[in-house]
């Protein structure tokens, strides 16, 4: 576990945040000011069924809570979860997401409520990132905001008129499913999907498709990114194409939703203008001029702490909207 901070420096109440991803799960103790006071990371049990996975995660939570409380922190009053969908946010039911397919239909909220006797709130990871940046990052002061995860996959969180937008079936923001081309790599079950051109998983496939000599199928996305950051011409050429595809998708969102700002997560932070530069140029060419001029394209301001803060956002937003009462 990361080194604990001093309990005297923070005000309760505390939130237990779980950021459940396809490779790692972060356990976070945080405040209503989005301060992360303790953190621990475990591997997500992805190859087993849901109940077996919980028999790994829940004891890790027990140990984490024992350590933070023995160090002087009060116990958390609520559990807040950030996780990829599809899911029913209100009921807290997970529907076999691609990164956790072995879990099947998982009643995550009910299970954790019974196990820890605490209220449980869930949010889609794209929405969690949007809320984190809206309240504490680059989205402060805006009312109409789109957040793009741009990590292993490509999803979005939409904040419209100051309110998170979930859609009819909590499926709003699955922008990676949009098809941008009839050709190209396959992700999200579609050839030429936006996720196939502008996500960590897609970049690996696109690199092999464009230049199998320089980027054999064993080349990983982190290796490609490191080559680009080091100035490798082939990797830079690839990132320029990724940026152009990113811009084509952004133009769809700008024309459709007319946001004030689009904030780009993981790869937008890592690669910066290597992808955001060409994306802005394509956006300028393809979006309505009046909408393009009104919209900023920014990397996420919270940086490496983004998903930790995001893990707190389901409970934070419920408290902010008076759907959760927390005492000191």
C-alpha atoms as a PDB file:
ATOM      1  CA  UNK A   1       0.000   0.000   0.000  1.00  0.00           C
ATOM      2  CA  UNK A   2       1.155   3.543  -0.698  1.00  0.00           C
ATOM      3  CA  UNK A   3       2.493   5.437   2.288  1.00  0.00           C
ATOM      4  CA  UNK A   4      -0.342   6.779   4.434  1.00  0.00           C
ATOM      5  CA  UNK A   5      -0.706  10.492   4.987  1.00  0.00           C
ATOM      6  CA  UNK A   6      -1.421  12.120   8.351  1.00  0.00           C
ATOM      7  CA  UNK A   7      -5.089  11.827   9.423  1.00  0.00           C
ATOM      8  CA  UNK A   8      -4.827  15.237  11.121  1.00  0.00           C
ATOM      9  CA  UNK A   9      -4.414  16.861   7.701  1.00  0.00           C
ATOM     10  CA  UNK A  10      -7.782  15.698   6.364  1.00  0.00           C
ATOM     11  CA  UNK A  11     -11.408  16.095   7.285  1.00  0.00           C
ATOM     12  CA  UNK A  12     -13.851  13.169   7.338  1.00  0.00           C
ATOM     13  CA  UNK A  13     -16.189  11.768   6.120  1.00  0.00           C
ATOM     14  CA  UNK A  14     -14.271   9.288   3.984  1.00  0.00           C
ATOM     15  CA  UNK A  15     -15.222   7.423   0.819  1.00  0.00           C
ATOM     16  CA  UNK A  16     -13.919   3.997  -0.148  1.00  0.00           C
ATOM     17  CA  UNK A  17     -13.336   4.175  -3.876  1.00  0.00           C
ATOM     18  CA  UNK A  18     -12.895   1.126  -6.114  1.00  0.00           C
ATOM     19  CA  UNK A  19     -11.610   1.651  -9.635  1.00  0.00           C
ATOM     20  CA  UNK A  20     -12.182  -1.775 -11.178  1.00  0.00           C
ATOM     21  CA  UNK A  21     -10.363  -2.144 -14.476  1.00  0.00           C
ATOM     22  CA  UNK A  22      -9.547  -4.965 -16.842  1.00  0.00           C
ATOM     23  CA  UNK A  23      -6.086  -5.509 -15.377  1.00  0.00           C
ATOM     24  CA  UNK A  24      -5.889  -3.693 -12.050  1.00  0.00           C
ATOM     25  CA  UNK A  25      -8.242  -2.608  -9.282  1.00  0.00           C
ATOM     26  CA  UNK A  26      -7.339   0.430  -7.187  1.00  0.00           C
ATOM     27  CA  UNK A  27      -8.574   0.689  -3.599  1.00  0.00           C
ATOM     28  CA  UNK A  28      -8.778   4.332  -2.572  1.00  0.00           C
ATOM     29  CA  UNK A  29      -9.630   6.156   0.637  1.00  0.00           C
ATOM     30  CA  UNK A  30     -10.672   9.694  -0.215  1.00  0.00           C
ATOM     31  CA  UNK A  31     -12.442  12.775   1.065  1.00  0.00           C
ATOM     32  CA  UNK A  32     -15.297  14.891  -0.232  1.00  0.00           C
ATOM     33  CA  UNK A  33     -12.614  17.283  -1.494  1.00  0.00           C
ATOM     34  CA  UNK A  34     -11.319  14.491  -3.751  1.00  0.00           C
ATOM     35  CA  UNK A  35      -8.159  14.124  -1.677  1.00  0.00           C
ATOM     36  CA  UNK A  36      -6.701  10.627  -1.974  1.00  0.00           C
ATOM     37  CA  UNK A  37      -5.323   9.847   1.491  1.00  0.00           C
ATOM     38  CA  UNK A  38      -4.505   6.160   0.975  1.00  0.00           C
ATOM     39  CA  UNK A  39      -4.284   3.838  -2.009  1.00  0.00           C
ATOM     40  CA  UNK A  40      -3.590   0.192  -2.737  1.00  0.00           C
ATOM     41  CA  UNK A  41      -3.605  -1.692  -6.038  1.00  0.00           C
ATOM     42  CA  UNK A  42      -4.312  -5.346  -6.783  1.00  0.00           C
ATOM     43  CA  UNK A  43      -4.669  -7.376  -9.953  1.00  0.00           C
ATOM     44  CA  UNK A  44      -8.265  -7.705 -11.088  1.00  0.00           C
ATOM     45  CA  UNK A  45      -9.358 -11.372 -11.171  1.00  0.00           C
ATOM     46  CA  UNK A  46     -10.645 -11.326 -14.758  1.00  0.00           C
ATOM     47  CA  UNK A  47     -10.548 -15.022 -15.662  1.00  0.00           C
ATOM     48  CA  UNK A  48     -12.889 -16.260 -12.922  1.00  0.00           C
ATOM     49  CA  UNK A  49     -16.603 -15.851 -12.226  1.00  0.00           C
ATOM     50  CA  UNK A  50     -17.938 -12.913 -10.238  1.00  0.00           C
ATOM     51  CA  UNK A  51     -18.276 -14.578  -6.835  1.00  0.00           C
ATOM     52  CA  UNK A  52     -14.788 -16.064  -7.067  1.00  0.00           C
ATOM     53  CA  UNK A  53     -13.443 -12.639  -8.021  1.00  0.00           C
ATOM     54  CA  UNK A  54     -15.159 -11.082  -5.002  1.00  0.00           C
ATOM     55  CA  UNK A  55     -13.405 -13.621  -2.753  1.00  0.00           C
ATOM     56  CA  UNK A  56     -10.168 -12.016  -3.915  1.00  0.00           C
ATOM     57  CA  UNK A  57     -11.211  -8.358  -3.932  1.00  0.00           C
ATOM     58  CA  UNK A  58     -13.181  -8.232  -0.658  1.00  0.00           C
ATOM     59  CA  UNK A  59     -10.406  -9.625   1.583  1.00  0.00           C
ATOM     60  CA  UNK A  60      -8.042  -7.098  -0.030  1.00  0.00           C
ATOM     61  CA  UNK A  61     -10.528  -4.367   0.907  1.00  0.00           C
ATOM     62  CA  UNK A  62     -10.715  -5.737   4.475  1.00  0.00           C
ATOM     63  CA  UNK A  63      -6.930  -5.581   4.807  1.00  0.00           C
ATOM     64  CA  UNK A  64      -6.798  -2.098   3.269  1.00  0.00           C
ATOM     65  CA  UNK A  65      -9.448  -0.787   5.672  1.00  0.00           C
ATOM     66  CA  UNK A  66      -7.725  -2.394   8.644  1.00  0.00           C
ATOM     67  CA  UNK A  67      -4.485  -0.640   7.731  1.00  0.00           C
ATOM     68  CA  UNK A  68      -6.034   2.795   7.224  1.00  0.00           C
ATOM     69  CA  UNK A  69      -8.119   2.679  10.408  1.00  0.00           C
ATOM     70  CA  UNK A  70      -5.178   1.430  12.487  1.00  0.00           C
ATOM     71  CA  UNK A  71      -3.274   4.464  11.188  1.00  0.00           C
ATOM     72  CA  UNK A  72      -5.842   6.842  12.638  1.00  0.00           C
ATOM     73  CA  UNK A  73      -8.292   7.370   9.787  1.00  0.00           C
ATOM     74  CA  UNK A  74     -11.990   6.924  10.430  1.00  0.00           C
ATOM     75  CA  UNK A  75     -13.722   4.133   8.533  1.00  0.00           C
ATOM     76  CA  UNK A  76     -15.389   5.129   5.250  1.00  0.00           C
ATOM     77  CA  UNK A  77     -19.121   5.744   5.252  1.00  0.00           C
ATOM     78  CA  UNK A  78     -19.841   4.774   1.648  1.00  0.00           C
ATOM     79  CA  UNK A  79     -18.425   2.708  -1.224  1.00  0.00           C
ATOM     80  CA  UNK A  80     -17.999   4.377  -4.616  1.00  0.00           C
ATOM     81  CA  UNK A  81     -17.182   2.359  -7.740  1.00  0.00           C
ATOM     82  CA  UNK A  82     -15.876   3.281 -11.173  1.00  0.00           C
ATOM     83  CA  UNK A  83     -16.118   0.436 -13.690  1.00  0.00           C
ATOM     84  CA  UNK A  84     -16.550  -0.130 -17.410  1.00  0.00           C
ATOM     85  CA  UNK A  85     -19.986  -1.039 -18.738  1.00  0.00           C
ATOM     86  CA  UNK A  86     -22.445  -2.060 -19.866  1.00  0.00           C
ATOM     87  CA  UNK A  87     -24.140  -1.693 -16.519  1.00  0.00           C
ATOM     88  CA  UNK A  88     -27.322  -0.597 -14.787  1.00  0.00           C
ATOM     89  CA  UNK A  89     -26.093   2.309 -12.704  1.00  0.00           C
ATOM     90  CA  UNK A  90     -29.046   2.600 -10.311  1.00  0.00           C
ATOM     91  CA  UNK A  91     -29.308  -1.129  -9.600  1.00  0.00           C
ATOM     92  CA  UNK A  92     -25.547  -1.639  -9.706  1.00  0.00           C
ATOM     93  CA  UNK A  93     -25.696  -4.579 -12.103  1.00  0.00           C
ATOM     94  CA  UNK A  94     -22.822  -5.328 -14.449  1.00  0.00           C
ATOM     95  CA  UNK A  95     -23.674  -6.988 -17.792  1.00  0.00           C
ATOM     96  CA  UNK A  96     -20.649  -9.009 -18.952  1.00  0.00           C
ATOM     97  CA  UNK A  97     -18.430  -6.116 -20.079  1.00  0.00           C
ATOM     98  CA  UNK A  98     -15.716  -7.106 -22.574  1.00  0.00           C
ATOM     99  CA  UNK A  99     -12.908  -6.606 -20.051  1.00  0.00           C
ATOM    100  CA  UNK A 100     -14.690  -8.676 -17.366  1.00  0.00           C
ATOM    101  CA  UNK A 101     -16.639 -11.142 -19.513  1.00  0.00           C
ATOM    102  CA  UNK A 102     -16.095 -14.053 -17.121  1.00  0.00           C
ATOM    103  CA  UNK A 103     -18.006 -12.184 -14.403  1.00  0.00           C
ATOM    104  CA  UNK A 104     -21.240 -12.536 -16.365  1.00  0.00           C
ATOM    105  CA  UNK A 105     -24.225 -10.625 -14.987  1.00  0.00           C
ATOM    106  CA  UNK A 106     -22.904  -9.369 -11.666  1.00  0.00           C
ATOM    107  CA  UNK A 107     -25.021  -7.761  -8.928  1.00  0.00           C
ATOM    108  CA  UNK A 108     -22.075  -5.723  -7.712  1.00  0.00           C
ATOM    109  CA  UNK A 109     -23.987  -3.163  -5.655  1.00  0.00           C
ATOM    110  CA  UNK A 110     -26.048  -5.758  -3.771  1.00  0.00           C
ATOM    111  CA  UNK A 111     -23.039  -7.979  -3.115  1.00  0.00           C
ATOM    112  CA  UNK A 112     -20.844  -5.214  -1.691  1.00  0.00           C
ATOM    113  CA  UNK A 113     -23.688  -3.703   0.317  1.00  0.00           C
ATOM    114  CA  UNK A 114     -24.318  -7.072   1.965  1.00  0.00           C
ATOM    115  CA  UNK A 115     -20.611  -7.756   2.466  1.00  0.00           C
ATOM    116  CA  UNK A 116     -19.601  -4.405   3.992  1.00  0.00           C
ATOM    117  CA  UNK A 117     -22.941  -3.030   5.250  1.00  0.00           C
ATOM    118  CA  UNK A 118     -22.320   0.316   3.553  1.00  0.00           C
ATOM    119  CA  UNK A 119     -24.269   2.214   0.883  1.00  0.00           C
ATOM    120  CA  UNK A 120     -22.816   1.534  -2.572  1.00  0.00           C
ATOM    121  CA  UNK A 121     -22.853   3.829  -5.618  1.00  0.00           C
ATOM    122  CA  UNK A 122     -21.613   2.951  -9.109  1.00  0.00           C
ATOM    123  CA  UNK A 123     -20.659   4.973 -12.130  1.00  0.00           C
ATOM    124  CA  UNK A 124     -19.414   4.103 -15.597  1.00  0.00           C
ATOM    125  CA  UNK A 125     -15.672   4.827 -15.790  1.00  0.00           C
ATOM    126  CA  UNK A 126     -16.174   7.348 -18.589  1.00  0.00           C
ATOM    127  CA  UNK A 127     -18.755   9.210 -16.525  1.00  0.00           C
ATOM    128  CA  UNK A 128     -16.519   8.999 -13.463  1.00  0.00           C
ATOM    129  CA  UNK A 129     -13.680  10.603 -15.393  1.00  0.00           C
ATOM    130  CA  UNK A 130     -16.012  13.312 -16.685  1.00  0.00           C
ATOM    131  CA  UNK A 131     -17.221  14.118 -13.166  1.00  0.00           C
ATOM    132  CA  UNK A 132     -13.671  14.156 -11.797  1.00  0.00           C
ATOM    133  CA  UNK A 133     -12.528  16.672 -14.410  1.00  0.00           C
ATOM    134  CA  UNK A 134     -15.792  18.654 -14.154  1.00  0.00           C
ATOM    135  CA  UNK A 135     -15.497  19.189 -10.409  1.00  0.00           C
ATOM    136  CA  UNK A 136     -11.738  19.130  -9.864  1.00  0.00           C
ATOM    137  CA  UNK A 137      -9.865  19.325 -13.179  1.00  0.00           C
ATOM    138  CA  UNK A 138      -9.884  20.950 -16.598  1.00  0.00           C
ATOM    139  CA  UNK A 139     -13.696  21.017 -16.709  1.00  0.00           C
ATOM    140  CA  UNK A 140     -14.175  23.447 -13.833  1.00  0.00           C
ATOM    141  CA  UNK A 141     -16.316  26.401 -14.885  1.00  0.00           C
ATOM    142  CA  UNK A 142     -17.915  24.669 -17.885  1.00  0.00           C
ATOM    143  CA  UNK A 143     -21.492  23.434 -18.251  1.00  0.00           C
ATOM    144  CA  UNK A 144     -21.228  21.313 -21.402  1.00  0.00           C
ATOM    145  CA  UNK A 145     -18.317  18.893 -21.286  1.00  0.00           C
ATOM    146  CA  UNK A 146     -17.260  15.637 -22.929  1.00  0.00           C
ATOM    147  CA  UNK A 147     -14.599  13.428 -21.402  1.00  0.00           C
ATOM    148  CA  UNK A 148     -12.898  10.727 -23.523  1.00  0.00           C
ATOM    149  CA  UNK A 149     -11.205   7.878 -21.662  1.00  0.00           C
ATOM    150  CA  UNK A 150      -8.796   7.081 -24.520  1.00  0.00           C
ATOM    151  CA  UNK A 151      -7.082   4.329 -22.576  1.00  0.00           C
ATOM    152  CA  UNK A 152      -7.149   0.646 -23.482  1.00  0.00           C
ATOM    153  CA  UNK A 153     -10.594   1.359 -24.929  1.00  0.00           C
ATOM    154  CA  UNK A 154     -12.421   4.514 -25.984  1.00  0.00           C
ATOM    155  CA  UNK A 155     -15.479   5.655 -24.066  1.00  0.00           C
ATOM    156  CA  UNK A 156     -16.968   8.988 -23.109  1.00  0.00           C
ATOM    157  CA  UNK A 157     -18.663  10.728 -20.245  1.00  0.00           C
ATOM    158  CA  UNK A 158     -21.150  13.446 -21.140  1.00  0.00           C
ATOM    159  CA  UNK A 159     -22.017  16.378 -18.903  1.00  0.00           C
ATOM    160  CA  UNK A 160     -24.786  18.433 -20.474  1.00  0.00           C
ATOM    161  CA  UNK A 161     -26.079  21.614 -18.857  1.00  0.00           C
ATOM    162  CA  UNK A 162     -24.088  20.736 -15.744  1.00  0.00           C
ATOM    163  CA  UNK A 163     -25.584  17.263 -15.310  1.00  0.00           C
ATOM    164  CA  UNK A 164     -24.132  13.856 -16.119  1.00  0.00           C
ATOM    165  CA  UNK A 165     -26.087  12.250 -18.970  1.00  0.00           C
ATOM    166  CA  UNK A 166     -26.626   8.486 -18.696  1.00  0.00           C
ATOM    167  CA  UNK A 167     -29.100   7.892 -21.529  1.00  0.00           C
ATOM    168  CA  UNK A 168     -32.148   5.608 -21.527  1.00  0.00           C
ATOM    169  CA  UNK A 169     -30.266   2.402 -20.700  1.00  0.00           C
ATOM    170  CA  UNK A 170     -27.164   3.942 -19.061  1.00  0.00           C
ATOM    171  CA  UNK A 171     -25.376   3.408 -22.396  1.00  0.00           C
ATOM    172  CA  UNK A 172     -24.712   7.039 -23.332  1.00  0.00           C
ATOM    173  CA  UNK A 173     -21.092   7.707 -24.140  1.00  0.00           C
ATOM    174  CA  UNK A 174     -20.195   4.426 -25.863  1.00  0.00           C
ATOM    175  CA  UNK A 175     -18.550   6.444 -28.620  1.00  0.00           C
ATOM    176  CA  UNK A 176     -15.921   3.805 -29.394  1.00  0.00           C
ATOM    177  CA  UNK A 177     -18.668   1.878 -31.179  1.00  0.00           C
ATOM    178  CA  UNK A 178     -19.097   4.589 -33.836  1.00  0.00           C
ATOM    179  CA  UNK A 179     -17.824   3.364 -37.218  1.00  0.00           C
ATOM    180  CA  UNK A 180     -15.515   5.858 -38.921  1.00  0.00           C
ATOM    181  CA  UNK A 181     -14.406   3.690 -41.848  1.00  0.00           C
ATOM    182  CA  UNK A 182     -15.395   0.545 -43.715  1.00  0.00           C
ATOM    183  CA  UNK A 183     -11.743  -0.502 -43.515  1.00  0.00           C
ATOM    184  CA  UNK A 184      -9.161  -0.674 -40.764  1.00  0.00           C
ATOM    185  CA  UNK A 185      -8.561  -2.644 -37.573  1.00  0.00           C
ATOM    186  CA  UNK A 186     -11.382  -4.160 -35.546  1.00  0.00           C
ATOM    187  CA  UNK A 187     -12.316  -3.143 -32.015  1.00  0.00           C
ATOM    188  CA  UNK A 188     -15.626  -2.996 -30.194  1.00  0.00           C
ATOM    189  CA  UNK A 189     -16.904  -5.642 -32.593  1.00  0.00           C
ATOM    190  CA  UNK A 190     -16.653  -3.394 -35.652  1.00  0.00           C
ATOM    191  CA  UNK A 191     -14.153  -2.974 -38.438  1.00  0.00           C
ATOM    192  CA  UNK A 192     -13.167   0.678 -38.550  1.00  0.00           C
ATOM    193  CA  UNK A 193     -14.745   1.650 -35.240  1.00  0.00           C
ATOM    194  CA  UNK A 194     -13.475   4.819 -33.568  1.00  0.00           C
ATOM    195  CA  UNK A 195     -12.004   2.661 -30.804  1.00  0.00           C
ATOM    196  CA  UNK A 196     -10.033   0.726 -33.444  1.00  0.00           C
ATOM    197  CA  UNK A 197      -8.231   3.920 -34.471  1.00  0.00           C
ATOM    198  CA  UNK A 198      -7.957   5.894 -31.235  1.00  0.00           C
ATOM    199  CA  UNK A 199      -7.455   3.598 -28.251  1.00  0.00           C
ATOM    200  CA  UNK A 200      -4.590   1.679 -26.709  1.00  0.00           C
ATOM    201  CA  UNK A 201      -5.855  -1.627 -28.061  1.00  0.00           C
ATOM    202  CA  UNK A 202      -6.564  -0.092 -31.455  1.00  0.00           C
ATOM    203  CA  UNK A 203      -3.158   1.557 -31.809  1.00  0.00           C
ATOM    204  CA  UNK A 204      -1.416  -1.818 -31.563  1.00  0.00           C
ATOM    205  CA  UNK A 205      -3.580  -3.248 -34.350  1.00  0.00           C
ATOM    206  CA  UNK A 206      -3.339  -0.121 -36.497  1.00  0.00           C
ATOM    207  CA  UNK A 207       0.457  -0.148 -36.220  1.00  0.00           C
ATOM    208  CA  UNK A 208       0.660  -3.742 -37.430  1.00  0.00           C
ATOM    209  CA  UNK A 209      -1.813  -3.052 -40.220  1.00  0.00           C
ATOM    210  CA  UNK A 210       0.088  -0.010 -41.505  1.00  0.00           C
ATOM    211  CA  UNK A 211       3.678  -1.173 -41.007  1.00  0.00           C
ATOM    212  CA  UNK A 212       4.092  -4.832 -40.026  1.00  0.00           C
ATOM    213  CA  UNK A 213       7.836  -4.667 -40.631  1.00  0.00           C
ATOM    214  CA  UNK A 214       8.383  -1.913 -38.053  1.00  0.00           C
ATOM    215  CA  UNK A 215       5.542  -2.978 -35.794  1.00  0.00           C
ATOM    216  CA  UNK A 216       5.171  -6.783 -35.751  1.00  0.00           C
ATOM    217  CA  UNK A 217       2.118  -8.222 -33.986  1.00  0.00           C
ATOM    218  CA  UNK A 218       4.139  -8.696 -30.788  1.00  0.00           C
ATOM    219  CA  UNK A 219       4.775  -4.946 -30.470  1.00  0.00           C
ATOM    220  CA  UNK A 220       2.847  -3.483 -27.534  1.00  0.00           C
ATOM    221  CA  UNK A 221       1.142  -0.104 -27.373  1.00  0.00           C
ATOM    222  CA  UNK A 222       3.452   1.131 -24.569  1.00  0.00           C
ATOM    223  CA  UNK A 223       6.431   0.291 -26.799  1.00  0.00           C
ATOM    224  CA  UNK A 224       4.905   2.255 -29.674  1.00  0.00           C
ATOM    225  CA  UNK A 225       4.198   5.211 -27.400  1.00  0.00           C
ATOM    226  CA  UNK A 226       7.754   5.213 -26.040  1.00  0.00           C
ATOM    227  CA  UNK A 227       9.114   5.185 -29.576  1.00  0.00           C
ATOM    228  CA  UNK A 228       6.901   8.143 -30.493  1.00  0.00           C
ATOM    229  CA  UNK A 229       7.944  10.113 -27.419  1.00  0.00           C
ATOM    230  CA  UNK A 230      11.588   9.396 -28.296  1.00  0.00           C
ATOM    231  CA  UNK A 231      11.070  10.852 -31.789  1.00  0.00           C
ATOM    232  CA  UNK A 232      11.004   7.630 -33.835  1.00  0.00           C
ATOM    233  CA  UNK A 233       9.757   8.649 -37.341  1.00  0.00           C
ATOM    234  CA  UNK A 234       7.599   5.562 -37.907  1.00  0.00           C
ATOM    235  CA  UNK A 235       5.925   5.885 -34.525  1.00  0.00           C
ATOM    236  CA  UNK A 236       5.407   9.624 -35.030  1.00  0.00           C
ATOM    237  CA  UNK A 237       3.771   8.966 -38.407  1.00  0.00           C
ATOM    238  CA  UNK A 238       1.459   6.465 -36.757  1.00  0.00           C
ATOM    239  CA  UNK A 239       0.528   8.903 -33.962  1.00  0.00           C
ATOM    240  CA  UNK A 240      -0.246  11.559 -36.546  1.00  0.00           C
ATOM    241  CA  UNK A 241      -2.738   9.162 -38.134  1.00  0.00           C
ATOM    242  CA  UNK A 242      -4.199   8.300 -34.718  1.00  0.00           C
ATOM    243  CA  UNK A 243      -4.643  12.026 -34.106  1.00  0.00           C
ATOM    244  CA  UNK A 244      -6.410  12.477 -37.432  1.00  0.00           C
ATOM    245  CA  UNK A 245      -8.867   9.690 -36.627  1.00  0.00           C
ATOM    246  CA  UNK A 246      -9.332  11.170 -33.186  1.00  0.00           C
ATOM    247  CA  UNK A 247     -10.233  14.470 -34.846  1.00  0.00           C
ATOM    248  CA  UNK A 248     -12.764  12.832 -37.165  1.00  0.00           C
ATOM    249  CA  UNK A 249     -14.605  11.394 -34.193  1.00  0.00           C
ATOM    250  CA  UNK A 250     -14.368  14.652 -32.265  1.00  0.00           C
ATOM    251  CA  UNK A 251     -16.027  16.437 -35.179  1.00  0.00           C
ATOM    252  CA  UNK A 252     -19.041  14.139 -34.846  1.00  0.00           C
ATOM    253  CA  UNK A 253     -19.324  14.949 -31.139  1.00  0.00           C
ATOM    254  CA  UNK A 254     -18.847  18.678 -31.656  1.00  0.00           C
ATOM    255  CA  UNK A 255     -21.493  18.850 -34.380  1.00  0.00           C
ATOM    256  CA  UNK A 256     -23.914  16.699 -32.375  1.00  0.00           C
ATOM    257  CA  UNK A 257     -23.537  18.068 -28.845  1.00  0.00           C
ATOM    258  CA  UNK A 258     -21.902  21.504 -29.250  1.00  0.00           C
ATOM    259  CA  UNK A 259     -19.747  21.209 -26.095  1.00  0.00           C
ATOM    260  CA  UNK A 260     -17.574  23.914 -24.564  1.00  0.00           C
ATOM    261  CA  UNK A 261     -14.693  21.539 -23.902  1.00  0.00           C
ATOM    262  CA  UNK A 262     -13.614  17.982 -24.737  1.00  0.00           C
ATOM    263  CA  UNK A 263     -11.123  16.552 -22.271  1.00  0.00           C
ATOM    264  CA  UNK A 264      -8.941  13.616 -23.325  1.00  0.00           C
ATOM    265  CA  UNK A 265      -7.801  11.039 -20.765  1.00  0.00           C
ATOM    266  CA  UNK A 266      -4.869   8.623 -20.589  1.00  0.00           C
ATOM    267  CA  UNK A 267      -3.336   8.763 -24.090  1.00  0.00           C
ATOM    268  CA  UNK A 268      -4.191  12.439 -24.436  1.00  0.00           C
ATOM    269  CA  UNK A 269      -2.114  13.065 -21.310  1.00  0.00           C
ATOM    270  CA  UNK A 270       0.765  10.812 -22.378  1.00  0.00           C
ATOM    271  CA  UNK A 271       0.997  11.912 -26.008  1.00  0.00           C
ATOM    272  CA  UNK A 272      -0.228  15.506 -25.793  1.00  0.00           C
ATOM    273  CA  UNK A 273       0.078  17.417 -29.053  1.00  0.00           C
ATOM    274  CA  UNK A 274       1.440  14.372 -30.909  1.00  0.00           C
ATOM    275  CA  UNK A 275      -2.212  13.320 -31.221  1.00  0.00           C
ATOM    276  CA  UNK A 276      -4.100  16.428 -30.066  1.00  0.00           C
ATOM    277  CA  UNK A 277      -2.381  18.640 -32.661  1.00  0.00           C
ATOM    278  CA  UNK A 278      -3.583  16.702 -35.734  1.00  0.00           C
ATOM    279  CA  UNK A 279      -6.929  16.109 -34.016  1.00  0.00           C
ATOM    280  CA  UNK A 280      -7.500  19.864 -33.690  1.00  0.00           C
ATOM    281  CA  UNK A 281      -6.577  20.382 -37.356  1.00  0.00           C
ATOM    282  CA  UNK A 282      -9.047  17.751 -38.572  1.00  0.00           C
ATOM    283  CA  UNK A 283     -11.705  19.079 -36.206  1.00  0.00           C
ATOM    284  CA  UNK A 284     -11.231  22.548 -37.680  1.00  0.00           C
ATOM    285  CA  UNK A 285     -11.738  21.136 -41.175  1.00  0.00           C
ATOM    286  CA  UNK A 286     -14.744  18.922 -40.437  1.00  0.00           C
ATOM    287  CA  UNK A 287     -16.848  20.470 -37.668  1.00  0.00           C
ATOM    288  CA  UNK A 288     -19.206  23.395 -38.053  1.00  0.00           C
ATOM    289  CA  UNK A 289     -16.999  26.498 -37.671  1.00  0.00           C
ATOM    290  CA  UNK A 290     -19.197  28.145 -35.047  1.00  0.00           C
ATOM    291  CA  UNK A 291     -19.212  24.958 -32.936  1.00  0.00           C
ATOM    292  CA  UNK A 292     -15.498  24.337 -33.395  1.00  0.00           C
ATOM    293  CA  UNK A 293     -14.585  27.864 -32.306  1.00  0.00           C
ATOM    294  CA  UNK A 294     -16.609  27.412 -29.117  1.00  0.00           C
ATOM    295  CA  UNK A 295     -14.927  24.130 -28.121  1.00  0.00           C
ATOM    296  CA  UNK A 296     -11.536  23.574 -26.481  1.00  0.00           C
ATOM    297  CA  UNK A 297      -9.669  20.263 -26.767  1.00  0.00           C
ATOM    298  CA  UNK A 298      -7.628  19.657 -23.615  1.00  0.00           C
ATOM    299  CA  UNK A 299      -5.723  16.823 -21.931  1.00  0.00           C
ATOM    300  CA  UNK A 300      -7.111  15.756 -18.568  1.00  0.00           C
ATOM    301  CA  UNK A 301      -5.733  18.021 -15.843  1.00  0.00           C
ATOM    302  CA  UNK A 302      -5.806  15.442 -13.051  1.00  0.00           C
ATOM    303  CA  UNK A 303      -3.131  13.398 -14.788  1.00  0.00           C
ATOM    304  CA  UNK A 304      -2.103  10.188 -13.068  1.00  0.00           C
ATOM    305  CA  UNK A 305      -4.598  10.753 -10.234  1.00  0.00           C
ATOM    306  CA  UNK A 306      -7.569  10.916 -12.628  1.00  0.00           C
ATOM    307  CA  UNK A 307      -8.936   7.412 -12.119  1.00  0.00           C
ATOM    308  CA  UNK A 308      -8.306   7.477  -8.359  1.00  0.00           C
ATOM    309  CA  UNK A 309     -10.364  10.650  -8.083  1.00  0.00           C
ATOM    310  CA  UNK A 310     -12.849   9.116 -10.538  1.00  0.00           C
ATOM    311  CA  UNK A 311     -13.382   6.179  -8.211  1.00  0.00           C
ATOM    312  CA  UNK A 312     -14.809   8.603  -5.630  1.00  0.00           C
ATOM    313  CA  UNK A 313     -17.180  10.354  -8.015  1.00  0.00           C
ATOM    314  CA  UNK A 314     -20.258   8.088  -7.845  1.00  0.00           C
ATOM    315  CA  UNK A 315     -20.604   8.798  -4.116  1.00  0.00           C
ATOM    316  CA  UNK A 316     -19.401  12.387  -4.427  1.00  0.00           C
ATOM    317  CA  UNK A 317     -21.992  13.201  -7.094  1.00  0.00           C
ATOM    318  CA  UNK A 318     -24.760  11.485  -5.113  1.00  0.00           C
ATOM    319  CA  UNK A 319     -23.827  13.593  -2.080  1.00  0.00           C
ATOM    320  CA  UNK A 320     -23.636  16.725  -4.206  1.00  0.00           C
ATOM    321  CA  UNK A 321     -27.144  16.060  -5.555  1.00  0.00           C
ATOM    322  CA  UNK A 322     -28.539  15.294  -2.082  1.00  0.00           C
ATOM    323  CA  UNK A 323     -29.027  11.574  -2.784  1.00  0.00           C
ATOM    324  CA  UNK A 324     -26.527  10.631  -0.085  1.00  0.00           C
ATOM    325  CA  UNK A 325     -26.038  12.091   3.382  1.00  0.00           C
ATOM    326  CA  UNK A 326     -22.663  11.753   5.014  1.00  0.00           C
ATOM    327  CA  UNK A 327     -21.779  12.823   8.536  1.00  0.00           C
ATOM    328  CA  UNK A 328     -18.403  13.891   9.902  1.00  0.00           C
END
